[in-house]
């Protein structure tokens, strides 16, 4: 699998995941403000939550990096099983999926 086809497969995988979780067009800040209002959080609670999130963000980023690498290796290994014709079919399926998302 050439590099661009690998990237397309990875993007399709992530796009499916994002769609499954029902993402909206709201920014991260808008979602946060809505949650803050719905929960009726005090400023003190907001600061404590932010501190906790800041504490865990580096570890979460490292885990995300490792998971991305694992997914990449998995897709490469699976790709080795496909015939050249199947690789062409996969590329067409991915392109069709991308077009439907627009």
N, C-alpha and C. Protein backbone atom coordinates (compact mmCIF):
# COMPACT_ATOMS: atom_id res chain seq x y z
N UNK A 1 0.86 -1.18 0.00
CA UNK A 1 0.00 0.00 0.00
C UNK A 1 0.90 1.23 0.00
N UNK A 2 0.66 2.15 -0.93
CA UNK A 2 1.48 3.35 -0.91
C UNK A 2 1.05 4.26 0.24
N UNK A 3 1.88 5.23 0.54
CA UNK A 3 1.64 6.08 1.71
C UNK A 3 0.30 6.79 1.64
N UNK A 4 -0.09 7.28 0.47
CA UNK A 4 -1.35 8.02 0.39
C UNK A 4 -2.55 7.11 0.64
N UNK A 5 -2.51 5.88 0.19
CA UNK A 5 -3.61 4.96 0.45
C UNK A 5 -3.69 4.62 1.93
N UNK A 6 -2.54 4.50 2.58
CA UNK A 6 -2.52 4.26 4.04
C UNK A 6 -3.18 5.44 4.75
N UNK A 7 -2.81 6.62 4.35
CA UNK A 7 -3.39 7.81 4.98
C UNK A 7 -4.89 7.88 4.77
N UNK A 8 -5.34 7.52 3.59
CA UNK A 8 -6.77 7.53 3.31
C UNK A 8 -7.49 6.53 4.20
N UNK A 9 -6.91 5.35 4.35
CA UNK A 9 -7.52 4.33 5.19
C UNK A 9 -7.60 4.80 6.64
N UNK A 10 -6.55 5.43 7.12
CA UNK A 10 -6.53 5.93 8.49
C UNK A 10 -7.58 7.03 8.66
N UNK A 11 -7.65 7.93 7.70
CA UNK A 11 -8.63 9.02 7.76
C UNK A 11 -10.05 8.45 7.77
N UNK A 12 -10.29 7.45 6.93
CA UNK A 12 -11.63 6.84 6.89
C UNK A 12 -11.97 6.22 8.23
N UNK A 13 -11.00 5.57 8.85
CA UNK A 13 -11.22 4.97 10.16
C UNK A 13 -11.60 6.03 11.19
N UNK A 14 -10.85 7.13 11.21
CA UNK A 14 -11.15 8.20 12.15
C UNK A 14 -12.48 8.88 11.84
N UNK A 15 -12.77 9.06 10.56
CA UNK A 15 -14.03 9.71 10.18
C UNK A 15 -15.22 8.88 10.65
N UNK A 16 -15.10 7.58 10.54
CA UNK A 16 -16.17 6.71 11.01
C UNK A 16 -16.34 6.83 12.51
N UNK A 17 -15.22 6.88 13.23
CA UNK A 17 -15.28 7.00 14.69
C UNK A 17 -15.94 8.31 15.10
N UNK A 18 -15.55 9.38 14.46
CA UNK A 18 -16.10 10.70 14.80
C UNK A 18 -17.60 10.73 14.53
N UNK A 19 -18.02 10.20 13.40
CA UNK A 19 -19.44 10.17 13.06
C UNK A 19 -20.22 9.36 14.07
N UNK A 20 -19.66 8.27 14.52
CA UNK A 20 -20.35 7.41 15.48
C UNK A 20 -20.63 8.12 16.79
N UNK A 21 -19.80 9.07 17.14
CA UNK A 21 -19.99 9.79 18.39
C UNK A 21 -20.83 11.05 18.22
N UNK A 22 -21.39 11.28 17.05
CA UNK A 22 -22.35 12.36 16.84
C UNK A 22 -21.78 13.75 17.06
N UNK A 23 -20.64 14.02 16.50
CA UNK A 23 -20.03 15.33 16.66
C UNK A 23 -20.90 16.40 16.00
N UNK A 24 -20.91 17.58 16.61
CA UNK A 24 -21.65 18.71 16.05
C UNK A 24 -20.66 19.71 15.50
N UNK A 25 -21.17 20.80 14.95
CA UNK A 25 -20.31 21.84 14.40
C UNK A 25 -19.88 22.85 15.46
N UNK A 26 -20.21 22.61 16.71
CA UNK A 26 -19.82 23.52 17.77
C UNK A 26 -18.32 23.43 18.02
N UNK A 27 -17.74 24.58 18.40
CA UNK A 27 -16.33 24.57 18.77
C UNK A 27 -16.18 23.92 20.14
N UNK A 28 -14.95 23.60 20.46
CA UNK A 28 -14.66 23.00 21.77
C UNK A 28 -15.11 23.95 22.89
N UNK A 29 -14.86 25.23 22.69
CA UNK A 29 -15.23 26.22 23.70
C UNK A 29 -16.75 26.32 23.87
N UNK A 30 -17.47 26.27 22.76
CA UNK A 30 -18.93 26.33 22.82
C UNK A 30 -19.50 25.13 23.55
N UNK A 31 -18.95 23.95 23.29
CA UNK A 31 -19.40 22.75 23.99
C UNK A 31 -19.11 22.86 25.49
N UNK A 32 -17.93 23.37 25.79
CA UNK A 32 -17.53 23.52 27.19
C UNK A 32 -18.45 24.50 27.90
N UNK A 33 -18.74 25.63 27.27
CA UNK A 33 -19.61 26.63 27.89
C UNK A 33 -21.02 26.08 28.09
N UNK A 34 -21.52 25.34 27.12
CA UNK A 34 -22.84 24.74 27.25
C UNK A 34 -22.87 23.76 28.42
N UNK A 35 -21.84 22.93 28.53
CA UNK A 35 -21.75 21.97 29.63
C UNK A 35 -21.67 22.70 30.97
N UNK A 36 -20.85 23.74 31.02
CA UNK A 36 -20.70 24.53 32.25
C UNK A 36 -22.05 25.10 32.69
N UNK A 37 -22.80 25.63 31.74
CA UNK A 37 -24.11 26.21 32.05
C UNK A 37 -25.10 25.13 32.47
N UNK A 38 -25.14 24.02 31.73
CA UNK A 38 -26.08 22.93 32.05
C UNK A 38 -25.80 22.34 33.43
N UNK A 39 -24.53 22.28 33.79
CA UNK A 39 -24.14 21.70 35.08
C UNK A 39 -24.18 22.73 36.21
N UNK A 40 -24.35 24.01 35.84
CA UNK A 40 -24.37 25.09 36.83
C UNK A 40 -23.09 25.05 37.68
N UNK A 41 -21.95 24.99 37.00
CA UNK A 41 -20.67 24.91 37.69
C UNK A 41 -20.25 26.26 38.24
N UNK A 42 -19.64 26.25 39.41
CA UNK A 42 -19.09 27.48 39.98
C UNK A 42 -17.72 27.71 39.35
N UNK A 43 -17.20 28.93 39.52
CA UNK A 43 -15.86 29.23 39.01
C UNK A 43 -14.81 28.34 39.67
N UNK A 44 -15.00 28.06 40.95
CA UNK A 44 -14.06 27.19 41.67
C UNK A 44 -14.07 25.78 41.08
N UNK A 45 -15.24 25.28 40.75
CA UNK A 45 -15.34 23.95 40.15
C UNK A 45 -14.67 23.93 38.77
N UNK A 46 -14.89 24.99 38.02
CA UNK A 46 -14.29 25.09 36.69
C UNK A 46 -12.77 25.03 36.79
N UNK A 47 -12.20 25.78 37.74
CA UNK A 47 -10.75 25.78 37.93
C UNK A 47 -10.23 24.41 38.34
N UNK A 48 -10.94 23.72 39.21
CA UNK A 48 -10.52 22.39 39.64
C UNK A 48 -10.57 21.39 38.48
N UNK A 49 -11.64 21.48 37.71
CA UNK A 49 -11.77 20.58 36.55
C UNK A 49 -10.66 20.84 35.55
N UNK A 50 -10.37 22.12 35.30
CA UNK A 50 -9.30 22.47 34.36
C UNK A 50 -7.97 21.92 34.85
N UNK A 51 -7.69 22.04 36.13
CA UNK A 51 -6.43 21.53 36.68
C UNK A 51 -6.32 20.02 36.50
N UNK A 52 -7.42 19.32 36.73
CA UNK A 52 -7.41 17.86 36.56
C UNK A 52 -7.18 17.51 35.09
N UNK A 53 -7.88 18.20 34.20
CA UNK A 53 -7.71 17.93 32.76
C UNK A 53 -6.27 18.22 32.33
N UNK A 54 -5.72 19.33 32.80
CA UNK A 54 -4.33 19.68 32.46
C UNK A 54 -3.35 18.63 32.97
N UNK A 55 -3.67 18.06 34.12
CA UNK A 55 -2.80 17.03 34.72
C UNK A 55 -2.75 15.78 33.84
N UNK A 56 -3.89 15.40 33.27
CA UNK A 56 -3.96 14.16 32.49
C UNK A 56 -3.70 14.33 31.00
N UNK A 57 -3.76 15.55 30.49
CA UNK A 57 -3.60 15.77 29.05
C UNK A 57 -2.29 15.22 28.47
N UNK A 58 -1.14 15.41 29.12
CA UNK A 58 0.09 14.86 28.54
C UNK A 58 0.05 13.33 28.41
N UNK A 59 -0.45 12.67 29.42
CA UNK A 59 -0.54 11.20 29.36
C UNK A 59 -1.52 10.76 28.27
N UNK A 60 -2.65 11.47 28.16
CA UNK A 60 -3.62 11.14 27.12
C UNK A 60 -3.03 11.36 25.73
N UNK A 61 -2.25 12.42 25.57
CA UNK A 61 -1.62 12.69 24.28
C UNK A 61 -0.64 11.58 23.91
N UNK A 62 0.12 11.10 24.88
CA UNK A 62 1.06 10.02 24.63
C UNK A 62 0.32 8.73 24.26
N UNK A 63 -0.76 8.44 24.96
CA UNK A 63 -1.55 7.26 24.64
C UNK A 63 -2.16 7.36 23.24
N UNK A 64 -2.61 8.56 22.87
CA UNK A 64 -3.17 8.77 21.54
C UNK A 64 -2.10 8.52 20.48
N UNK A 65 -0.89 9.02 20.73
CA UNK A 65 0.20 8.81 19.78
C UNK A 65 0.48 7.32 19.61
N UNK A 66 0.51 6.60 20.73
CA UNK A 66 0.76 5.15 20.68
C UNK A 66 -0.36 4.42 19.95
N UNK A 67 -1.59 4.81 20.21
CA UNK A 67 -2.73 4.18 19.55
C UNK A 67 -2.72 4.46 18.04
N UNK A 68 -2.37 5.68 17.66
CA UNK A 68 -2.27 6.01 16.24
C UNK A 68 -1.22 5.13 15.56
N UNK A 69 -0.09 4.94 16.21
CA UNK A 69 0.97 4.09 15.66
C UNK A 69 0.51 2.64 15.56
N UNK A 70 -0.19 2.17 16.58
CA UNK A 70 -0.71 0.80 16.57
C UNK A 70 -1.70 0.61 15.42
N UNK A 71 -2.59 1.57 15.24
CA UNK A 71 -3.57 1.50 14.14
C UNK A 71 -2.85 1.47 12.79
N UNK A 72 -1.81 2.29 12.67
CA UNK A 72 -1.05 2.34 11.42
C UNK A 72 -0.42 0.98 11.13
N UNK A 73 0.22 0.38 12.12
CA UNK A 73 0.85 -0.93 11.94
C UNK A 73 -0.20 -1.99 11.59
N UNK A 74 -1.35 -1.91 12.26
CA UNK A 74 -2.44 -2.86 11.99
C UNK A 74 -2.88 -2.76 10.54
N UNK A 75 -3.11 -1.54 10.06
CA UNK A 75 -3.56 -1.35 8.68
C UNK A 75 -2.50 -1.81 7.68
N UNK A 76 -1.23 -1.58 7.99
CA UNK A 76 -0.16 -2.03 7.11
C UNK A 76 -0.13 -3.55 7.03
N UNK A 77 -0.31 -4.20 8.15
CA UNK A 77 -0.30 -5.66 8.19
C UNK A 77 -1.50 -6.23 7.42
N UNK A 78 -2.65 -5.62 7.60
CA UNK A 78 -3.84 -6.06 6.86
C UNK A 78 -3.65 -5.83 5.37
N UNK A 79 -3.05 -4.69 5.02
CA UNK A 79 -2.84 -4.36 3.62
C UNK A 79 -1.96 -5.39 2.92
N UNK A 80 -1.04 -5.98 3.63
CA UNK A 80 -0.17 -7.00 3.05
C UNK A 80 -0.95 -8.23 2.59
N UNK A 81 -2.14 -8.42 3.11
CA UNK A 81 -2.97 -9.57 2.76
C UNK A 81 -3.74 -9.33 1.46
N UNK A 82 -4.06 -8.08 1.17
CA UNK A 82 -4.87 -7.75 -0.01
C UNK A 82 -4.11 -8.01 -1.31
N UNK A 83 -4.85 -8.43 -2.32
CA UNK A 83 -4.29 -8.54 -3.67
C UNK A 83 -4.27 -7.12 -4.26
N UNK A 84 -3.52 -6.92 -5.35
CA UNK A 84 -3.54 -5.60 -5.99
C UNK A 84 -4.96 -5.16 -6.38
N UNK A 85 -5.77 -6.09 -6.83
CA UNK A 85 -7.15 -5.76 -7.21
C UNK A 85 -7.96 -5.32 -5.99
N UNK A 86 -7.76 -6.00 -4.88
CA UNK A 86 -8.48 -5.65 -3.65
C UNK A 86 -8.03 -4.27 -3.15
N UNK A 87 -6.77 -3.95 -3.35
CA UNK A 87 -6.28 -2.62 -2.94
C UNK A 87 -6.97 -1.53 -3.75
N UNK A 88 -7.17 -1.80 -5.03
CA UNK A 88 -7.89 -0.84 -5.89
C UNK A 88 -9.33 -0.70 -5.41
N UNK A 89 -9.98 -1.83 -5.09
CA UNK A 89 -11.35 -1.80 -4.58
C UNK A 89 -11.43 -1.01 -3.27
N UNK A 90 -10.47 -1.25 -2.38
CA UNK A 90 -10.45 -0.55 -1.09
C UNK A 90 -10.34 0.95 -1.31
N UNK A 91 -9.46 1.35 -2.21
CA UNK A 91 -9.30 2.77 -2.49
C UNK A 91 -10.62 3.37 -2.99
N UNK A 92 -11.32 2.65 -3.86
CA UNK A 92 -12.61 3.13 -4.39
C UNK A 92 -13.65 3.23 -3.28
N UNK A 93 -13.68 2.25 -2.39
CA UNK A 93 -14.62 2.28 -1.26
C UNK A 93 -14.34 3.48 -0.37
N UNK A 94 -13.07 3.73 -0.09
CA UNK A 94 -12.69 4.85 0.77
C UNK A 94 -13.08 6.17 0.11
N UNK A 95 -12.82 6.30 -1.19
CA UNK A 95 -13.18 7.52 -1.90
C UNK A 95 -14.69 7.74 -1.89
N UNK A 96 -15.46 6.66 -2.08
CA UNK A 96 -16.92 6.76 -2.05
C UNK A 96 -17.38 7.22 -0.67
N UNK A 97 -16.78 6.66 0.37
CA UNK A 97 -17.13 7.02 1.74
C UNK A 97 -16.83 8.50 2.00
N UNK A 98 -15.67 8.95 1.52
CA UNK A 98 -15.31 10.36 1.70
C UNK A 98 -16.29 11.27 0.98
N UNK A 99 -16.71 10.88 -0.22
CA UNK A 99 -17.65 11.70 -1.00
C UNK A 99 -19.01 11.78 -0.32
N UNK A 100 -19.44 10.70 0.31
CA UNK A 100 -20.73 10.70 1.00
C UNK A 100 -20.71 11.58 2.24
N UNK A 101 -19.56 11.78 2.84
CA UNK A 101 -19.44 12.59 4.05
C UNK A 101 -19.50 14.08 3.76
N UNK A 102 -19.31 14.47 2.50
CA UNK A 102 -19.30 15.89 2.15
C UNK A 102 -20.68 16.45 2.03
